[in-house]
Amino acid sequence: MKLENRLWRLEDKRERTEDAAIRTLADDELTAIVETPGSPKAETAAARYYRLAKEYYDAAQPTLAEVRKVVRGGIRR
């Protein structure tokens, strides 16, 4: 049961990080994308949005070391 709770907390942390990243990126990039659809500037903004979203997603993934800590019962807050 403890292991399940710890894994759930890691998943929850990842989801909260993704949600915050998406909101931040949407605020910064949406205007440029909507303002001039089809323009090179909008395409560049969309590409940047995708790249940053992927970076945030990858950063939010638990590392192998974090998973090992959970499995071994080593996470402490």
N, C-alpha and C. Protein backbone atom coordinates (compact mmCIF):
# COMPACT_ATOMS: atom_id res chain seq x y z
N MET A 1 0.82 -1.19 0.00
CA MET A 1 0.00 0.00 0.00
C MET A 1 0.87 1.26 0.00
N LYS A 2 1.95 1.28 0.78
CA LYS A 2 2.83 2.45 0.81
C LYS A 2 3.46 2.69 -0.55
N LEU A 3 3.89 1.62 -1.21
CA LEU A 3 4.50 1.74 -2.53
C LEU A 3 3.51 2.34 -3.51
N GLU A 4 2.29 1.88 -3.46
CA GLU A 4 1.24 2.40 -4.36
C GLU A 4 1.02 3.90 -4.12
N ASN A 5 0.99 4.31 -2.86
CA ASN A 5 0.80 5.73 -2.53
C ASN A 5 1.97 6.57 -3.04
N ARG A 6 3.17 6.07 -2.91
CA ARG A 6 4.34 6.82 -3.36
C ARG A 6 4.35 6.94 -4.89
N LEU A 7 4.00 5.86 -5.57
CA LEU A 7 3.92 5.92 -7.02
C LEU A 7 2.83 6.89 -7.46
N TRP A 8 1.71 6.89 -6.74
CA TRP A 8 0.62 7.82 -7.05
C TRP A 8 1.09 9.26 -6.88
N ARG A 9 1.86 9.55 -5.83
CA ARG A 9 2.37 10.90 -5.60
C ARG A 9 3.30 11.34 -6.73
N LEU A 10 4.15 10.43 -7.20
CA LEU A 10 5.02 10.76 -8.34
C LEU A 10 4.20 11.09 -9.57
N GLU A 11 3.17 10.29 -9.83
CA GLU A 11 2.30 10.53 -10.98
C GLU A 11 1.57 11.86 -10.84
N ASP A 12 1.09 12.16 -9.64
CA ASP A 12 0.38 13.41 -9.39
C ASP A 12 1.31 14.61 -9.61
N LYS A 13 2.55 14.49 -9.13
CA LYS A 13 3.54 15.56 -9.31
C LYS A 13 3.80 15.80 -10.80
N ARG A 14 3.92 14.74 -11.56
CA ARG A 14 4.15 14.85 -13.00
C ARG A 14 2.98 15.54 -13.68
N GLU A 15 1.75 15.15 -13.33
CA GLU A 15 0.57 15.76 -13.94
C GLU A 15 0.45 17.24 -13.60
N ARG A 16 0.72 17.61 -12.34
CA ARG A 16 0.64 19.01 -11.96
C ARG A 16 1.68 19.84 -12.71
N THR A 17 2.89 19.28 -12.89
CA THR A 17 3.94 19.97 -13.63
C THR A 17 3.54 20.17 -15.08
N GLU A 18 2.96 19.13 -15.70
CA GLU A 18 2.51 19.24 -17.08
C GLU A 18 1.42 20.30 -17.21
N ASP A 19 0.45 20.29 -16.32
CA ASP A 19 -0.65 21.26 -16.38
C ASP A 19 -0.13 22.69 -16.27
N ALA A 20 0.77 22.93 -15.35
CA ALA A 20 1.34 24.27 -15.18
C ALA A 20 2.13 24.69 -16.41
N ALA A 21 2.88 23.77 -16.98
CA ALA A 21 3.68 24.07 -18.17
C ALA A 21 2.77 24.42 -19.35
N ILE A 22 1.72 23.67 -19.53
CA ILE A 22 0.81 23.92 -20.64
C ILE A 22 0.14 25.28 -20.48
N ARG A 23 -0.31 25.61 -19.28
CA ARG A 23 -0.95 26.92 -19.05
C ARG A 23 0.03 28.06 -19.34
N THR A 24 1.25 27.94 -18.86
CA THR A 24 2.25 28.98 -19.08
C THR A 24 2.56 29.15 -20.56
N LEU A 25 2.79 28.05 -21.24
CA LEU A 25 3.11 28.12 -22.67
C LEU A 25 1.93 28.64 -23.47
N ALA A 26 0.74 28.22 -23.13
CA ALA A 26 -0.44 28.67 -23.86
C ALA A 26 -0.58 30.18 -23.75
N ASP A 27 -0.40 30.73 -22.57
CA ASP A 27 -0.50 32.19 -22.39
C ASP A 27 0.53 32.92 -23.24
N ASP A 28 1.74 32.41 -23.28
CA ASP A 28 2.83 33.09 -23.98
C ASP A 28 2.75 32.96 -25.50
N GLU A 29 2.29 31.83 -25.98
CA GLU A 29 2.38 31.54 -27.41
C GLU A 29 1.06 31.64 -28.17
N LEU A 30 -0.05 31.54 -27.52
CA LEU A 30 -1.34 31.47 -28.22
C LEU A 30 -1.60 32.71 -29.07
N THR A 31 -1.27 33.87 -28.56
CA THR A 31 -1.51 35.11 -29.30
C THR A 31 -0.78 35.08 -30.64
N ALA A 32 0.46 34.72 -30.64
CA ALA A 32 1.25 34.69 -31.88
C ALA A 32 0.70 33.67 -32.87
N ILE A 33 0.23 32.55 -32.39
CA ILE A 33 -0.28 31.51 -33.27
C ILE A 33 -1.61 31.93 -33.89
N VAL A 34 -2.50 32.50 -33.08
CA VAL A 34 -3.83 32.86 -33.54
C VAL A 34 -3.80 34.15 -34.37
N GLU A 35 -2.93 35.06 -34.00
CA GLU A 35 -2.85 36.37 -34.65
C GLU A 35 -2.63 36.27 -36.15
N THR A 36 -1.72 35.40 -36.57
CA THR A 36 -1.36 35.31 -37.98
C THR A 36 -1.28 33.85 -38.41
N PRO A 37 -2.43 33.18 -38.53
CA PRO A 37 -2.39 31.77 -38.92
C PRO A 37 -1.79 31.59 -40.32
N GLY A 38 -0.96 30.60 -40.46
CA GLY A 38 -0.34 30.30 -41.74
C GLY A 38 0.93 31.08 -42.03
N SER A 39 1.22 32.08 -41.21
CA SER A 39 2.43 32.87 -41.45
C SER A 39 3.65 32.13 -40.91
N PRO A 40 4.82 32.44 -41.42
CA PRO A 40 6.03 31.81 -40.89
C PRO A 40 6.21 32.06 -39.39
N LYS A 41 5.82 33.25 -38.93
CA LYS A 41 5.95 33.57 -37.51
C LYS A 41 5.06 32.64 -36.67
N ALA A 42 3.84 32.41 -37.14
CA ALA A 42 2.92 31.54 -36.41
C ALA A 42 3.45 30.10 -36.41
N GLU A 43 3.98 29.67 -37.56
CA GLU A 43 4.53 28.31 -37.64
C GLU A 43 5.73 28.16 -36.71
N THR A 44 6.56 29.19 -36.64
CA THR A 44 7.71 29.16 -35.74
C THR A 44 7.25 29.11 -34.28
N ALA A 45 6.23 29.90 -33.95
CA ALA A 45 5.70 29.89 -32.59
C ALA A 45 5.11 28.53 -32.25
N ALA A 46 4.41 27.92 -33.20
CA ALA A 46 3.84 26.59 -32.96
C ALA A 46 4.94 25.56 -32.75
N ALA A 47 6.00 25.64 -33.53
CA ALA A 47 7.12 24.71 -33.38
C ALA A 47 7.79 24.91 -32.03
N ARG A 48 7.95 26.16 -31.62
CA ARG A 48 8.57 26.45 -30.32
C ARG A 48 7.68 25.95 -29.19
N TYR A 49 6.36 26.16 -29.33
CA TYR A 49 5.41 25.68 -28.33
C TYR A 49 5.53 24.16 -28.17
N TYR A 50 5.57 23.45 -29.29
CA TYR A 50 5.68 21.99 -29.25
C TYR A 50 6.99 21.57 -28.58
N ARG A 51 8.09 22.21 -28.96
CA ARG A 51 9.40 21.85 -28.39
C ARG A 51 9.43 22.09 -26.88
N LEU A 52 8.93 23.26 -26.46
CA LEU A 52 8.92 23.56 -25.02
C LEU A 52 7.99 22.64 -24.26
N ALA A 53 6.84 22.33 -24.84
CA ALA A 53 5.90 21.42 -24.18
C ALA A 53 6.56 20.05 -24.00
N LYS A 54 7.28 19.59 -25.02
CA LYS A 54 7.97 18.30 -24.91
C LYS A 54 9.06 18.35 -23.84
N GLU A 55 9.79 19.46 -23.77
CA GLU A 55 10.82 19.59 -22.74
C GLU A 55 10.22 19.55 -21.33
N TYR A 56 9.11 20.27 -21.13
CA TYR A 56 8.44 20.24 -19.83
C TYR A 56 7.95 18.83 -19.51
N TYR A 57 7.39 18.16 -20.52
CA TYR A 57 6.88 16.81 -20.30
C TYR A 57 8.03 15.87 -19.91
N ASP A 58 9.12 15.95 -20.65
CA ASP A 58 10.27 15.09 -20.35
C ASP A 58 10.84 15.38 -18.97
N ALA A 59 10.88 16.66 -18.59
CA ALA A 59 11.40 17.04 -17.28
C ALA A 59 10.50 16.55 -16.15
N ALA A 60 9.21 16.41 -16.43
CA ALA A 60 8.27 15.99 -15.40
C ALA A 60 8.25 14.48 -15.20
N GLN A 61 8.86 13.73 -16.10
CA GLN A 61 8.88 12.28 -15.98
C GLN A 61 9.79 11.88 -14.82
N PRO A 62 9.34 10.93 -14.02
CA PRO A 62 10.23 10.49 -12.94
C PRO A 62 11.47 9.81 -13.53
N THR A 63 12.59 10.07 -12.92
CA THR A 63 13.82 9.44 -13.39
C THR A 63 13.87 8.02 -12.84
N LEU A 64 14.75 7.24 -13.39
CA LEU A 64 14.93 5.88 -12.93
C LEU A 64 15.34 5.87 -11.46
N ALA A 65 16.16 6.84 -11.07
CA ALA A 65 16.58 6.93 -9.67
C ALA A 65 15.39 7.21 -8.75
N GLU A 66 14.46 8.07 -9.19
CA GLU A 66 13.27 8.36 -8.38
C GLU A 66 12.40 7.12 -8.23
N VAL A 67 12.26 6.38 -9.31
CA VAL A 67 11.45 5.16 -9.26
C VAL A 67 12.11 4.14 -8.34
N ARG A 68 13.43 4.03 -8.41
CA ARG A 68 14.14 3.10 -7.52
C ARG A 68 13.95 3.49 -6.06
N LYS A 69 13.97 4.80 -5.76
CA LYS A 69 13.74 5.25 -4.39
C LYS A 69 12.36 4.84 -3.91
N VAL A 70 11.37 4.97 -4.78
CA VAL A 70 10.00 4.59 -4.41
C VAL A 70 9.95 3.10 -4.14
N VAL A 71 10.53 2.33 -5.02
CA VAL A 71 10.49 0.88 -4.87
C VAL A 71 11.21 0.45 -3.60
N ARG A 72 12.28 1.15 -3.27
CA ARG A 72 13.04 0.81 -2.06
C ARG A 72 12.51 1.52 -0.82
N GLY A 73 11.51 2.36 -0.99
CA GLY A 73 10.93 3.07 0.16
C GLY A 73 11.75 4.25 0.60
N GLY A 74 12.46 4.89 -0.31
CA GLY A 74 13.37 5.94 0.08
C GLY A 74 12.88 7.36 -0.10
N ILE A 75 11.64 7.57 -0.53
CA ILE A 75 11.17 8.95 -0.71
C ILE A 75 10.76 9.52 0.63
N ARG A 76 11.28 10.70 0.91
CA ARG A 76 10.93 11.40 2.15
C ARG A 76 10.66 12.85 1.81
N ARG A 77 9.63 13.39 2.41
CA ARG A 77 9.29 14.80 2.13
C ARG A 77 9.40 15.61 3.38
